[in-house]
């Protein structure tokens, strides 16, 4: 009669192990972003049609500053000495400028909050190794794949699943780093001239980069609002 009792204990132990394993492989949700960080991103726009006439490979210095409700992408194109600035404010205003040109854009969402992905709507898709890093993969709104380090929760990569095929890879991630130089956040004087004065015509050399940046902002904003 001892065997049935032992068998039941073994079954209970197996069920407990299976439940623990299921809990370990199905996390509650993605980690929220830190309120302030600096990340270096590698962006591949090779498959983005609107970037086909501009440099498709670029590095971004991303400074995320949620307490001050601002976000800066300092974009460096391959072999280019003139960086592009994408300065985003929580009122929906974005200034996109370099040393000679500037555009402004109003979007319906402001700076993404730290919980833009973690606060609901994200679907867990399992584990995947990318760049040699074991990641948890999340999907949201049927067009974004978000990869986070399975050990630390740090963002590793995100892909957009629409026709653009836009991909960004996180090369470094420093929590708590703040860009204190206000000059880096301030839009230059030529951003406040009329359109005819600072050249916003369709033939501008940076039109495709500006469109790509706005596309990313709109897609990310849609994911946040989903």
N, C-alpha and C. Protein backbone atom coordinates (compact mmCIF):
# COMPACT_ATOMS: atom_id res chain seq x y z
N UNK A 1 0.82 -1.21 0.00
CA UNK A 1 0.00 0.00 0.00
C UNK A 1 0.85 1.26 0.00
N UNK A 2 2.16 1.06 0.24
CA UNK A 2 3.02 2.23 0.30
C UNK A 2 3.23 2.84 -1.07
N UNK A 3 3.18 2.01 -2.13
CA UNK A 3 3.48 2.51 -3.47
C UNK A 3 2.51 3.58 -3.95
N UNK A 4 1.16 3.39 -3.77
CA UNK A 4 0.26 4.46 -4.22
C UNK A 4 0.56 5.79 -3.55
N UNK A 5 0.91 5.77 -2.25
CA UNK A 5 1.24 7.02 -1.56
C UNK A 5 2.49 7.63 -2.17
N UNK A 6 3.50 6.80 -2.40
CA UNK A 6 4.74 7.29 -3.00
C UNK A 6 4.47 7.82 -4.40
N UNK A 7 3.61 7.11 -5.13
CA UNK A 7 3.27 7.54 -6.49
C UNK A 7 2.60 8.90 -6.47
N UNK A 8 1.69 9.11 -5.52
CA UNK A 8 1.01 10.41 -5.41
C UNK A 8 2.00 11.51 -5.08
N UNK A 9 2.94 11.20 -4.18
CA UNK A 9 3.95 12.21 -3.83
C UNK A 9 4.80 12.57 -5.04
N UNK A 10 5.15 11.55 -5.83
CA UNK A 10 5.94 11.81 -7.04
C UNK A 10 5.15 12.65 -8.03
N UNK A 11 3.85 12.37 -8.17
CA UNK A 11 3.02 13.15 -9.08
C UNK A 11 2.90 14.60 -8.62
N UNK A 12 2.74 14.78 -7.30
CA UNK A 12 2.65 16.14 -6.76
C UNK A 12 3.95 16.89 -7.00
N UNK A 13 5.08 16.20 -6.77
CA UNK A 13 6.38 16.83 -6.99
C UNK A 13 6.56 17.21 -8.44
N UNK A 14 6.12 16.31 -9.35
CA UNK A 14 6.24 16.59 -10.78
C UNK A 14 5.38 17.78 -11.17
N UNK A 15 4.15 17.84 -10.62
CA UNK A 15 3.26 18.96 -10.93
C UNK A 15 3.83 20.27 -10.40
N UNK A 16 4.42 20.22 -9.20
CA UNK A 16 5.01 21.43 -8.62
C UNK A 16 6.18 21.92 -9.48
N UNK A 17 7.00 20.96 -9.93
CA UNK A 17 8.14 21.31 -10.79
C UNK A 17 7.66 21.91 -12.10
N UNK A 18 6.61 21.32 -12.68
CA UNK A 18 6.07 21.83 -13.95
C UNK A 18 5.51 23.23 -13.78
N UNK A 19 4.81 23.46 -12.65
CA UNK A 19 4.25 24.79 -12.41
C UNK A 19 5.35 25.82 -12.23
N UNK A 20 6.41 25.42 -11.50
CA UNK A 20 7.53 26.35 -11.30
C UNK A 20 8.21 26.65 -12.62
N UNK A 21 8.36 25.60 -13.46
CA UNK A 21 8.99 25.80 -14.76
C UNK A 21 8.15 26.71 -15.63
N UNK A 22 6.82 26.51 -15.61
CA UNK A 22 5.93 27.36 -16.40
C UNK A 22 6.01 28.80 -15.94
N UNK A 23 6.06 29.00 -14.59
CA UNK A 23 6.16 30.35 -14.05
C UNK A 23 7.46 31.00 -14.46
N UNK A 24 8.55 30.20 -14.51
CA UNK A 24 9.86 30.75 -14.85
C UNK A 24 9.94 31.13 -16.31
N UNK A 25 9.21 30.40 -17.18
CA UNK A 25 9.31 30.66 -18.61
C UNK A 25 8.25 31.63 -19.10
N UNK A 26 7.28 31.96 -18.27
CA UNK A 26 6.24 32.91 -18.65
C UNK A 26 6.25 34.07 -17.66
N UNK A 27 7.08 35.08 -17.89
CA UNK A 27 7.19 36.20 -16.95
C UNK A 27 5.90 37.02 -16.92
N UNK A 28 5.75 37.77 -15.84
CA UNK A 28 4.54 38.58 -15.67
C UNK A 28 4.41 39.66 -16.73
N UNK A 29 5.53 40.22 -17.16
CA UNK A 29 5.50 41.28 -18.16
C UNK A 29 6.89 41.81 -18.40
N UNK A 30 7.07 42.60 -19.44
CA UNK A 30 8.39 43.17 -19.71
C UNK A 30 8.77 44.18 -18.65
N UNK A 31 10.06 44.35 -18.45
CA UNK A 31 10.55 45.32 -17.47
C UNK A 31 10.27 46.74 -17.97
N UNK A 32 9.80 47.63 -17.10
CA UNK A 32 9.64 49.03 -17.53
C UNK A 32 10.99 49.68 -17.75
N UNK A 33 11.01 50.71 -18.56
CA UNK A 33 12.25 51.46 -18.75
C UNK A 33 12.62 52.21 -17.47
N UNK A 34 13.92 52.36 -17.20
CA UNK A 34 14.33 53.28 -16.13
C UNK A 34 13.88 54.70 -16.49
N UNK A 35 13.70 55.54 -15.49
CA UNK A 35 13.21 56.90 -15.77
C UNK A 35 14.25 57.76 -16.48
N UNK A 36 15.52 57.40 -16.34
CA UNK A 36 16.58 58.13 -17.03
C UNK A 36 17.65 57.13 -17.47
N UNK A 37 18.07 57.24 -18.72
CA UNK A 37 19.14 56.38 -19.19
C UNK A 37 19.75 56.96 -20.46
N UNK A 38 20.94 56.46 -20.77
CA UNK A 38 21.61 56.74 -22.05
C UNK A 38 21.87 55.41 -22.74
N UNK A 39 21.44 55.30 -23.97
CA UNK A 39 21.67 54.09 -24.75
C UNK A 39 22.29 54.46 -26.09
N UNK A 40 23.18 53.60 -26.56
CA UNK A 40 23.71 53.73 -27.91
C UNK A 40 23.01 52.67 -28.76
N UNK A 41 22.37 53.12 -29.83
CA UNK A 41 21.59 52.24 -30.69
C UNK A 41 22.22 52.18 -32.08
N UNK A 42 22.22 51.00 -32.64
CA UNK A 42 22.57 50.83 -34.05
C UNK A 42 21.26 50.63 -34.81
N UNK A 43 21.04 51.47 -35.81
CA UNK A 43 19.80 51.42 -36.57
C UNK A 43 20.08 50.97 -38.00
N UNK A 44 19.30 50.00 -38.44
CA UNK A 44 19.44 49.47 -39.78
C UNK A 44 18.19 49.80 -40.57
N UNK A 45 18.31 50.74 -41.52
CA UNK A 45 17.19 51.13 -42.37
C UNK A 45 17.36 50.60 -43.79
N UNK A 46 18.15 49.56 -43.92
CA UNK A 46 18.43 49.01 -45.25
C UNK A 46 17.15 48.64 -45.98
N UNK A 47 16.17 48.10 -45.25
CA UNK A 47 14.93 47.65 -45.88
C UNK A 47 13.81 48.67 -45.82
N UNK A 48 14.13 49.90 -45.41
CA UNK A 48 13.11 50.95 -45.32
C UNK A 48 13.14 51.75 -46.61
N UNK A 49 12.07 51.70 -47.37
CA UNK A 49 12.07 52.29 -48.70
C UNK A 49 12.30 53.79 -48.66
N UNK A 50 11.77 54.49 -47.62
CA UNK A 50 11.91 55.94 -47.58
C UNK A 50 13.31 56.37 -47.22
N UNK A 51 14.17 55.42 -46.82
CA UNK A 51 15.56 55.76 -46.52
C UNK A 51 16.51 55.29 -47.62
N UNK A 52 15.95 54.86 -48.74
CA UNK A 52 16.78 54.26 -49.78
C UNK A 52 17.74 55.25 -50.42
N UNK A 53 17.44 56.56 -50.34
CA UNK A 53 18.33 57.55 -50.93
C UNK A 53 19.29 58.15 -49.92
N UNK A 54 19.19 57.75 -48.66
CA UNK A 54 20.07 58.26 -47.62
C UNK A 54 20.84 57.14 -46.97
N UNK A 55 21.79 57.48 -46.07
CA UNK A 55 22.59 56.44 -45.41
C UNK A 55 21.71 55.53 -44.56
N UNK A 56 21.68 54.24 -44.84
CA UNK A 56 20.77 53.35 -44.11
C UNK A 56 21.30 52.90 -42.75
N UNK A 57 22.61 53.04 -42.51
CA UNK A 57 23.20 52.59 -41.26
C UNK A 57 23.58 53.81 -40.42
N UNK A 58 23.22 53.78 -39.14
CA UNK A 58 23.48 54.94 -38.30
C UNK A 58 23.54 54.54 -36.83
N UNK A 59 24.19 55.39 -36.05
CA UNK A 59 24.26 55.23 -34.60
C UNK A 59 23.44 56.33 -33.95
N UNK A 60 22.70 55.96 -32.91
CA UNK A 60 21.92 56.91 -32.13
C UNK A 60 22.48 56.96 -30.71
N UNK A 61 22.69 58.15 -30.20
CA UNK A 61 22.83 58.33 -28.76
C UNK A 61 21.46 58.74 -28.25
N UNK A 62 20.82 57.84 -27.52
CA UNK A 62 19.48 58.08 -27.01
C UNK A 62 19.57 58.49 -25.54
N UNK A 63 19.10 59.70 -25.23
CA UNK A 63 19.03 60.18 -23.85
C UNK A 63 17.55 60.29 -23.47
N UNK A 64 17.14 59.40 -22.59
CA UNK A 64 15.75 59.34 -22.15
C UNK A 64 15.66 59.98 -20.77
N UNK A 65 14.81 61.00 -20.64
CA UNK A 65 14.73 61.77 -19.39
C UNK A 65 13.26 61.97 -19.04
N UNK A 66 12.66 60.95 -18.45
CA UNK A 66 11.23 61.01 -18.15
C UNK A 66 10.89 62.06 -17.09
N UNK A 67 11.67 62.25 -16.01
CA UNK A 67 11.30 63.29 -15.03
C UNK A 67 11.14 64.67 -15.66
N UNK A 68 11.93 64.97 -16.70
CA UNK A 68 11.82 66.26 -17.39
C UNK A 68 10.99 66.16 -18.66
N UNK A 69 10.42 64.98 -18.89
CA UNK A 69 9.52 64.75 -20.03
C UNK A 69 10.18 65.16 -21.35
N UNK A 70 11.37 64.62 -21.59
CA UNK A 70 12.07 64.93 -22.83
C UNK A 70 12.90 63.73 -23.27
N UNK A 71 13.20 63.70 -24.55
CA UNK A 71 13.91 62.57 -25.15
C UNK A 71 14.76 63.11 -26.30
N UNK A 72 16.02 62.70 -26.37
CA UNK A 72 16.91 63.17 -27.42
C UNK A 72 17.55 61.99 -28.14
N UNK A 73 17.42 61.98 -29.45
CA UNK A 73 18.16 61.06 -30.31
C UNK A 73 19.21 61.87 -31.05
N UNK A 74 20.47 61.62 -30.77
CA UNK A 74 21.57 62.24 -31.51
C UNK A 74 22.03 61.22 -32.54
N UNK A 75 21.76 61.50 -33.81
CA UNK A 75 21.89 60.51 -34.87
C UNK A 75 23.13 60.80 -35.71
N UNK A 76 23.99 59.81 -35.82
CA UNK A 76 25.21 59.94 -36.60
C UNK A 76 25.16 58.95 -37.75
N UNK A 77 25.15 59.48 -38.96
CA UNK A 77 25.16 58.63 -40.14
C UNK A 77 26.56 58.09 -40.40
N UNK A 78 26.62 57.01 -41.12
CA UNK A 78 27.90 56.40 -41.45
C UNK A 78 28.79 57.39 -42.21
N UNK A 79 29.99 57.65 -41.66
CA UNK A 79 31.00 58.52 -42.26
C UNK A 79 30.54 59.97 -42.41
N UNK A 80 29.56 60.38 -41.62
CA UNK A 80 29.08 61.76 -41.68
C UNK A 80 29.55 62.52 -40.45
N UNK A 81 30.00 63.77 -40.65
CA UNK A 81 30.48 64.57 -39.54
C UNK A 81 29.45 65.52 -38.97
N UNK A 82 28.26 65.57 -39.56
CA UNK A 82 27.22 66.51 -39.12
C UNK A 82 26.06 65.72 -38.52
N UNK A 83 25.99 65.60 -37.19
CA UNK A 83 24.93 64.79 -36.59
C UNK A 83 23.56 65.44 -36.75
N UNK A 84 22.55 64.60 -36.71
CA UNK A 84 21.16 65.05 -36.73
C UNK A 84 20.60 64.93 -35.31
N UNK A 85 19.81 65.92 -34.92
CA UNK A 85 19.19 65.94 -33.60
C UNK A 85 17.70 65.70 -33.74
N UNK A 86 17.19 64.79 -32.92
CA UNK A 86 15.76 64.54 -32.84
C UNK A 86 15.38 64.77 -31.38
N UNK A 87 14.87 65.98 -31.08
CA UNK A 87 14.54 66.37 -29.71
C UNK A 87 13.03 66.33 -29.54
N UNK A 88 12.56 65.50 -28.63
CA UNK A 88 11.13 65.26 -28.45
C UNK A 88 10.70 65.76 -27.07
N UNK A 89 9.56 66.44 -27.05
CA UNK A 89 9.01 66.98 -25.81
C UNK A 89 7.63 66.38 -25.55
N UNK A 90 7.21 66.44 -24.30
CA UNK A 90 5.99 65.74 -23.92
C UNK A 90 4.71 66.39 -24.46
N UNK A 91 4.81 67.62 -24.96
CA UNK A 91 3.63 68.26 -25.55
C UNK A 91 3.40 67.81 -26.99
N UNK A 92 4.21 66.85 -27.46
CA UNK A 92 4.04 66.33 -28.81
C UNK A 92 4.90 67.02 -29.85
N UNK A 93 5.68 68.02 -29.44
CA UNK A 93 6.54 68.74 -30.38
C UNK A 93 7.88 68.03 -30.53
N UNK A 94 8.30 67.86 -31.77
CA UNK A 94 9.61 67.30 -32.07
C UNK A 94 10.36 68.28 -32.97
N UNK A 95 11.61 68.57 -32.60
CA UNK A 95 12.51 69.35 -33.45
C UNK A 95 13.53 68.38 -34.03
N UNK A 96 13.66 68.43 -35.35
CA UNK A 96 14.57 67.54 -36.04
C UNK A 96 15.50 68.41 -36.87
N UNK A 97 16.78 68.50 -36.48
CA UNK A 97 17.65 69.50 -37.10
C UNK A 97 19.10 69.03 -37.15
N UNK A 98 19.84 69.66 -38.07
CA UNK A 98 21.30 69.55 -38.10
C UNK A 98 21.85 70.97 -38.14
N UNK A 99 23.08 71.15 -38.59
CA UNK A 99 23.70 72.47 -38.54
C UNK A 99 23.08 73.46 -39.53
N UNK A 100 22.35 72.96 -40.53
CA UNK A 100 21.84 73.86 -41.57
C UNK A 100 20.33 73.80 -41.77
N UNK A 101 19.70 72.69 -41.42
CA UNK A 101 18.27 72.52 -41.70
C UNK A 101 17.52 72.20 -40.42
N UNK A 102 16.21 72.37 -40.47
CA UNK A 102 15.37 72.07 -39.31
C UNK A 102 13.95 71.79 -39.76
N UNK A 103 13.31 70.87 -39.07
CA UNK A 103 11.88 70.63 -39.24
C UNK A 103 11.26 70.46 -37.86
N UNK A 104 10.00 70.82 -37.77
CA UNK A 104 9.25 70.56 -36.56
C UNK A 104 8.07 69.67 -36.91
N UNK A 105 7.63 68.91 -35.92
CA UNK A 105 6.52 67.99 -36.13
C UNK A 105 5.70 67.91 -34.86
N UNK A 106 4.39 67.92 -35.01
CA UNK A 106 3.48 67.70 -33.89
C UNK A 106 2.89 66.31 -34.03
N UNK A 107 3.01 65.51 -32.99
CA UNK A 107 2.45 64.16 -32.99
C UNK A 107 1.47 64.05 -31.83
N UNK A 108 0.50 63.14 -31.92
CA UNK A 108 -0.54 63.08 -30.88
C UNK A 108 -0.08 62.51 -29.55
N UNK A 109 1.13 61.95 -29.50
CA UNK A 109 1.65 61.43 -28.24
C UNK A 109 2.92 62.19 -27.89
N UNK A 110 3.20 62.28 -26.60
CA UNK A 110 4.43 62.92 -26.16
C UNK A 110 5.53 61.88 -25.98
N UNK A 111 6.40 62.13 -25.02
CA UNK A 111 7.49 61.21 -24.74
C UNK A 111 6.92 59.90 -24.19
N UNK A 112 7.44 58.79 -24.66
CA UNK A 112 6.96 57.49 -24.19
C UNK A 112 7.20 57.36 -22.69
N UNK A 113 6.19 56.97 -21.90
CA UNK A 113 6.40 56.77 -20.46
C UNK A 113 7.20 55.50 -20.21
N UNK A 114 7.80 55.36 -19.03
CA UNK A 114 8.61 54.17 -18.74
C UNK A 114 7.85 52.86 -18.92
N UNK A 115 6.55 52.88 -18.68
CA UNK A 115 5.76 51.66 -18.79
C UNK A 115 5.03 51.52 -20.11
N UNK A 116 5.54 52.16 -21.17
CA UNK A 116 4.83 52.14 -22.45
C UNK A 116 4.60 50.71 -22.95
N UNK A 117 5.49 49.80 -22.59
CA UNK A 117 5.32 48.41 -22.98
C UNK A 117 4.86 47.55 -21.81
N UNK A 118 5.33 47.88 -20.62
CA UNK A 118 5.11 47.02 -19.45
C UNK A 118 3.71 47.15 -18.86
N UNK A 119 3.02 48.26 -19.13
CA UNK A 119 1.75 48.53 -18.44
C UNK A 119 0.54 47.90 -19.11
N UNK A 120 0.75 46.92 -19.94
CA UNK A 120 -0.39 46.21 -20.52
C UNK A 120 -0.33 46.15 -22.03
N UNK A 121 -0.93 45.09 -22.57
CA UNK A 121 -1.02 44.95 -24.02
C UNK A 121 0.10 44.17 -24.65
N UNK A 122 1.20 43.92 -23.91
CA UNK A 122 2.32 43.16 -24.47
C UNK A 122 2.03 41.67 -24.37
N UNK A 123 2.36 40.94 -25.42
CA UNK A 123 2.15 39.49 -25.48
C UNK A 123 3.50 38.80 -25.46
N UNK A 124 3.66 37.86 -24.53
CA UNK A 124 4.92 37.13 -24.42
C UNK A 124 5.02 36.10 -25.53
N UNK A 125 6.13 36.13 -26.28
CA UNK A 125 6.30 35.25 -27.44
C UNK A 125 7.37 34.19 -27.23
N UNK A 126 8.00 34.18 -26.05
CA UNK A 126 8.98 33.14 -25.77
C UNK A 126 10.40 33.68 -25.70
N UNK A 127 11.36 32.76 -25.73
CA UNK A 127 12.77 33.10 -25.62
C UNK A 127 13.44 32.98 -26.99
N UNK A 128 14.42 33.85 -27.21
CA UNK A 128 15.19 33.81 -28.45
C UNK A 128 16.56 34.42 -28.19
N UNK A 129 17.56 33.87 -28.83
CA UNK A 129 18.91 34.42 -28.72
C UNK A 129 19.16 35.35 -29.89
N UNK A 130 19.54 36.59 -29.58
CA UNK A 130 19.89 37.55 -30.62
C UNK A 130 21.18 38.23 -30.23
N UNK A 131 22.13 38.28 -31.14
CA UNK A 131 23.43 38.85 -30.83
C UNK A 131 24.16 38.12 -29.72
N UNK A 132 23.85 36.83 -29.55
CA UNK A 132 24.47 36.04 -28.49
C UNK A 132 23.86 36.26 -27.12
N UNK A 133 22.75 37.01 -27.03
CA UNK A 133 22.11 37.32 -25.75
C UNK A 133 20.78 36.59 -25.65
N UNK A 134 20.58 35.87 -24.56
CA UNK A 134 19.32 35.18 -24.31
C UNK A 134 18.26 36.21 -23.95
N UNK A 135 17.20 36.27 -24.75
CA UNK A 135 16.20 37.33 -24.59
C UNK A 135 14.80 36.77 -24.41
N UNK A 136 13.99 37.51 -23.67
CA UNK A 136 12.54 37.33 -23.70
C UNK A 136 12.01 38.24 -24.80
N UNK A 137 11.09 37.71 -25.59
CA UNK A 137 10.57 38.45 -26.74
C UNK A 137 9.10 38.79 -26.49
N UNK A 138 8.76 40.07 -26.73
CA UNK A 138 7.40 40.55 -26.52
C UNK A 138 6.88 41.17 -27.82
N UNK A 139 5.61 41.01 -28.05
CA UNK A 139 4.96 41.67 -29.18
C UNK A 139 3.87 42.59 -28.67
N UNK A 140 3.62 43.66 -29.42
CA UNK A 140 2.55 44.58 -29.03
C UNK A 140 1.96 45.22 -30.28
N UNK A 141 0.64 45.31 -30.28
CA UNK A 141 -0.11 45.98 -31.35
C UNK A 141 0.16 45.40 -32.73
N UNK A 142 0.63 44.17 -32.76
CA UNK A 142 0.81 43.43 -34.02
C UNK A 142 1.85 44.02 -34.96
N UNK A 143 2.69 44.95 -34.47
CA UNK A 143 3.71 45.43 -35.39
C UNK A 143 5.08 45.64 -34.74
N UNK A 144 5.22 45.41 -33.44
CA UNK A 144 6.52 45.61 -32.82
C UNK A 144 6.95 44.34 -32.10
N UNK A 145 8.21 43.97 -32.28
CA UNK A 145 8.85 42.91 -31.50
C UNK A 145 9.91 43.56 -30.62
N UNK A 146 9.85 43.28 -29.33
CA UNK A 146 10.74 43.90 -28.36
C UNK A 146 11.52 42.80 -27.64
N UNK A 147 12.84 42.89 -27.69
CA UNK A 147 13.71 41.89 -27.08
C UNK A 147 14.35 42.49 -25.82
N UNK A 148 14.22 41.78 -24.69
CA UNK A 148 14.88 42.22 -23.47
C UNK A 148 15.74 41.10 -22.92
N UNK A 149 16.86 41.47 -22.31
CA UNK A 149 17.77 40.51 -21.71
C UNK A 149 17.03 39.69 -20.67
N UNK A 150 17.07 38.37 -20.80
CA UNK A 150 16.33 37.50 -19.88
C UNK A 150 16.85 37.59 -18.45
N UNK A 151 18.10 37.98 -18.27
CA UNK A 151 18.68 38.06 -16.93
C UNK A 151 18.47 39.43 -16.28
N UNK A 152 18.60 40.49 -17.06
CA UNK A 152 18.60 41.84 -16.48
C UNK A 152 17.36 42.66 -16.82
N UNK A 153 16.62 42.27 -17.86
CA UNK A 153 15.48 43.06 -18.31
C UNK A 153 15.86 44.25 -19.17
N UNK A 154 17.16 44.44 -19.43
CA UNK A 154 17.57 45.56 -20.28
C UNK A 154 17.10 45.36 -21.71
N UNK A 155 16.71 46.43 -22.40
CA UNK A 155 16.34 46.29 -23.81
C UNK A 155 17.56 45.90 -24.64
N UNK A 156 17.34 45.03 -25.59
CA UNK A 156 18.41 44.52 -26.45
C UNK A 156 18.18 44.92 -27.91
N UNK A 157 16.91 44.90 -28.32
CA UNK A 157 16.60 45.12 -29.73
C UNK A 157 15.10 45.31 -29.87
N UNK A 158 14.67 46.05 -30.90
CA UNK A 158 13.26 46.05 -31.28
C UNK A 158 13.13 46.15 -32.79
N UNK A 159 12.13 45.45 -33.30
CA UNK A 159 11.85 45.41 -34.74
C UNK A 159 10.41 45.86 -34.96
N UNK A 160 10.17 46.55 -36.06
CA UNK A 160 8.81 46.85 -36.47
C UNK A 160 8.41 45.89 -37.58
N UNK A 161 7.19 45.37 -37.47
CA UNK A 161 6.74 44.30 -38.35
C UNK A 161 5.92 44.81 -39.52
N UNK A 162 5.87 46.13 -39.71
CA UNK A 162 5.13 46.66 -40.86
C UNK A 162 6.01 46.58 -42.10
N UNK A 163 5.61 47.26 -43.16
CA UNK A 163 6.33 47.16 -44.43
C UNK A 163 7.72 47.78 -44.38
N UNK A 164 8.01 48.60 -43.36
CA UNK A 164 9.31 49.27 -43.31
C UNK A 164 10.43 48.32 -42.93
N UNK A 165 10.17 47.37 -42.03
CA UNK A 165 11.22 46.47 -41.56
C UNK A 165 12.26 47.15 -40.71
N UNK A 166 11.92 48.28 -40.07
CA UNK A 166 12.87 49.03 -39.27
C UNK A 166 13.35 48.20 -38.08
N UNK A 167 14.67 48.23 -37.83
CA UNK A 167 15.28 47.49 -36.73
C UNK A 167 16.23 48.40 -35.96
N UNK A 168 16.23 48.28 -34.63
CA UNK A 168 17.21 48.99 -33.80
C UNK A 168 17.81 48.02 -32.80
N UNK A 169 19.14 48.14 -32.61
CA UNK A 169 19.89 47.25 -31.74
C UNK A 169 20.56 48.08 -30.65
N UNK A 170 20.40 47.68 -29.40
CA UNK A 170 20.98 48.40 -28.27
C UNK A 170 22.41 47.92 -28.06
N UNK A 171 23.37 48.83 -28.27
CA UNK A 171 24.78 48.47 -28.16
C UNK A 171 25.31 48.69 -26.74
N UNK A 172 24.78 49.70 -26.04
CA UNK A 172 25.13 49.93 -24.63
C UNK A 172 23.95 50.58 -23.95
N UNK A 173 23.86 50.40 -22.62
CA UNK A 173 22.70 50.88 -21.88
C UNK A 173 23.15 51.29 -20.49
N UNK A 174 23.09 52.61 -20.20
CA UNK A 174 23.57 53.15 -18.94
C UNK A 174 22.41 53.78 -18.17
N UNK A 175 22.02 53.13 -17.10
CA UNK A 175 20.90 53.61 -16.29
C UNK A 175 21.33 54.82 -15.46
N UNK A 176 20.48 55.84 -15.41
CA UNK A 176 20.73 57.01 -14.57
C UNK A 176 21.57 58.09 -15.21
N UNK A 177 22.07 57.87 -16.42
CA UNK A 177 22.89 58.88 -17.10
C UNK A 177 21.98 59.94 -17.70
N UNK A 178 22.27 61.21 -17.41
CA UNK A 178 21.45 62.33 -17.86
C UNK A 178 22.33 63.29 -18.65
N UNK A 179 21.83 63.78 -19.77
CA UNK A 179 22.53 64.80 -20.54
C UNK A 179 22.15 66.16 -19.96
N UNK A 180 23.07 66.75 -19.20
CA UNK A 180 22.77 67.99 -18.48
C UNK A 180 23.02 69.24 -19.32
N UNK A 181 23.72 69.10 -20.44
CA UNK A 181 24.05 70.25 -21.29
C UNK A 181 22.79 70.75 -21.99
N UNK A 182 22.23 71.86 -21.53
CA UNK A 182 20.99 72.37 -22.10
C UNK A 182 21.13 72.76 -23.56
N UNK A 183 22.34 73.10 -23.98
CA UNK A 183 22.55 73.48 -25.38
C UNK A 183 22.23 72.32 -26.32
N UNK A 184 22.40 71.08 -25.84
CA UNK A 184 22.11 69.92 -26.67
C UNK A 184 20.61 69.72 -26.86
N UNK A 185 19.82 70.25 -25.94
CA UNK A 185 18.37 70.10 -26.01
C UNK A 185 17.70 71.26 -26.73
N UNK A 186 18.38 72.39 -26.79
CA UNK A 186 17.78 73.60 -27.34
C UNK A 186 17.79 73.59 -28.86
N UNK A 187 16.62 73.77 -29.46
CA UNK A 187 16.55 73.89 -30.91
C UNK A 187 17.22 75.19 -31.33
N UNK A 188 18.01 75.19 -32.41
CA UNK A 188 18.72 76.39 -32.84
C UNK A 188 17.79 77.42 -33.46
N UNK A 189 18.33 78.61 -33.67
CA UNK A 189 17.52 79.73 -34.17
C UNK A 189 16.88 79.42 -35.52
N UNK A 190 17.59 78.65 -36.37
CA UNK A 190 17.02 78.42 -37.70
C UNK A 190 15.81 77.48 -37.67
N UNK A 191 15.48 76.93 -36.49
CA UNK A 191 14.24 76.15 -36.38
C UNK A 191 13.02 77.05 -36.27
N UNK A 192 13.23 78.34 -36.03
CA UNK A 192 12.11 79.23 -35.77
C UNK A 192 11.91 80.24 -36.89
N UNK A 193 12.59 80.02 -38.02
CA UNK A 193 12.36 80.83 -39.20
C UNK A 193 11.20 80.23 -39.99
N UNK A 194 10.68 81.01 -40.95
CA UNK A 194 9.60 80.45 -41.76
C UNK A 194 10.16 79.38 -42.68
N UNK A 195 9.28 78.54 -43.22
CA UNK A 195 9.70 77.39 -44.00
C UNK A 195 10.54 77.78 -45.21
N UNK A 196 10.18 78.87 -45.87
CA UNK A 196 10.93 79.27 -47.06
C UNK A 196 12.35 79.66 -46.70
N UNK A 197 12.55 80.19 -45.49
CA UNK A 197 13.87 80.67 -45.10
C UNK A 197 14.82 79.53 -44.77
N UNK A 198 14.32 78.45 -44.14
CA UNK A 198 15.27 77.40 -43.77
C UNK A 198 15.08 76.12 -44.55
N UNK A 199 14.36 76.17 -45.67
CA UNK A 199 14.38 75.07 -46.64
C UNK A 199 13.72 73.81 -46.16
N UNK A 200 12.41 73.69 -46.36
CA UNK A 200 11.72 72.46 -46.00
C UNK A 200 11.07 71.84 -47.24
N UNK A 201 11.70 72.04 -48.40
CA UNK A 201 11.10 71.51 -49.62
C UNK A 201 11.38 70.02 -49.74
N UNK A 202 10.69 69.40 -50.69
CA UNK A 202 10.75 67.95 -50.84
C UNK A 202 12.12 67.46 -51.31
N UNK A 203 12.98 68.37 -51.80
CA UNK A 203 14.28 67.94 -52.32
C UNK A 203 15.37 68.00 -51.27
N UNK A 204 15.05 68.33 -50.05
CA UNK A 204 16.06 68.44 -49.00
C UNK A 204 16.79 67.12 -48.82
N UNK A 205 18.11 67.18 -48.62
CA UNK A 205 18.93 65.98 -48.52
C UNK A 205 18.52 65.09 -47.36
N UNK A 206 17.95 65.70 -46.29
CA UNK A 206 17.64 64.92 -45.10
C UNK A 206 16.16 64.58 -44.99
N UNK A 207 15.41 64.76 -46.06
CA UNK A 207 13.98 64.49 -45.99
C UNK A 207 13.70 63.05 -45.62
N UNK A 208 14.44 62.11 -46.21
CA UNK A 208 14.17 60.70 -45.94
C UNK A 208 14.49 60.34 -44.50
N UNK A 209 15.58 60.90 -43.93
CA UNK A 209 15.91 60.63 -42.55
C UNK A 209 14.84 61.19 -41.61
N UNK A 210 14.35 62.39 -41.94
CA UNK A 210 13.30 63.00 -41.12
C UNK A 210 12.04 62.15 -41.16
N UNK A 211 11.66 61.68 -42.34
CA UNK A 211 10.48 60.83 -42.46
C UNK A 211 10.65 59.54 -41.68
N UNK A 212 11.85 58.95 -41.74
CA UNK A 212 12.09 57.71 -41.02
C UNK A 212 11.97 57.92 -39.51
N UNK A 213 12.52 59.03 -39.02
CA UNK A 213 12.45 59.31 -37.59
C UNK A 213 11.00 59.53 -37.15
N UNK A 214 10.23 60.27 -37.97
CA UNK A 214 8.84 60.50 -37.62
C UNK A 214 8.03 59.21 -37.67
N UNK A 215 8.37 58.34 -38.62
CA UNK A 215 7.69 57.05 -38.70
C UNK A 215 7.93 56.26 -37.42
N UNK A 216 9.20 56.23 -36.97
CA UNK A 216 9.51 55.50 -35.74
C UNK A 216 8.74 56.08 -34.56
N UNK A 217 8.69 57.41 -34.47
CA UNK A 217 7.99 58.06 -33.36
C UNK A 217 6.51 57.71 -33.38
N UNK A 218 5.89 57.75 -34.57
CA UNK A 218 4.47 57.46 -34.66
C UNK A 218 4.18 56.01 -34.30
N UNK A 219 5.03 55.09 -34.79
CA UNK A 219 4.82 53.68 -34.49
C UNK A 219 4.98 53.41 -33.00
N UNK A 220 6.04 53.98 -32.41
CA UNK A 220 6.26 53.78 -30.98
C UNK A 220 5.11 54.38 -30.19
N UNK A 221 4.63 55.54 -30.62
CA UNK A 221 3.51 56.17 -29.94
C UNK A 221 2.25 55.34 -30.03
N UNK A 222 2.03 54.73 -31.19
CA UNK A 222 0.86 53.87 -31.34
C UNK A 222 0.96 52.67 -30.41
N UNK A 223 2.16 52.13 -30.25
CA UNK A 223 2.34 51.01 -29.34
C UNK A 223 2.06 51.43 -27.90
N UNK A 224 2.45 52.65 -27.56
CA UNK A 224 2.23 53.12 -26.19
C UNK A 224 0.75 53.33 -25.91
N UNK A 225 0.01 53.74 -26.93
CA UNK A 225 -1.40 54.07 -26.73
C UNK A 225 -2.32 52.87 -26.92
N UNK A 226 -1.77 51.75 -27.37
CA UNK A 226 -2.59 50.59 -27.71
C UNK A 226 -3.25 50.00 -26.47
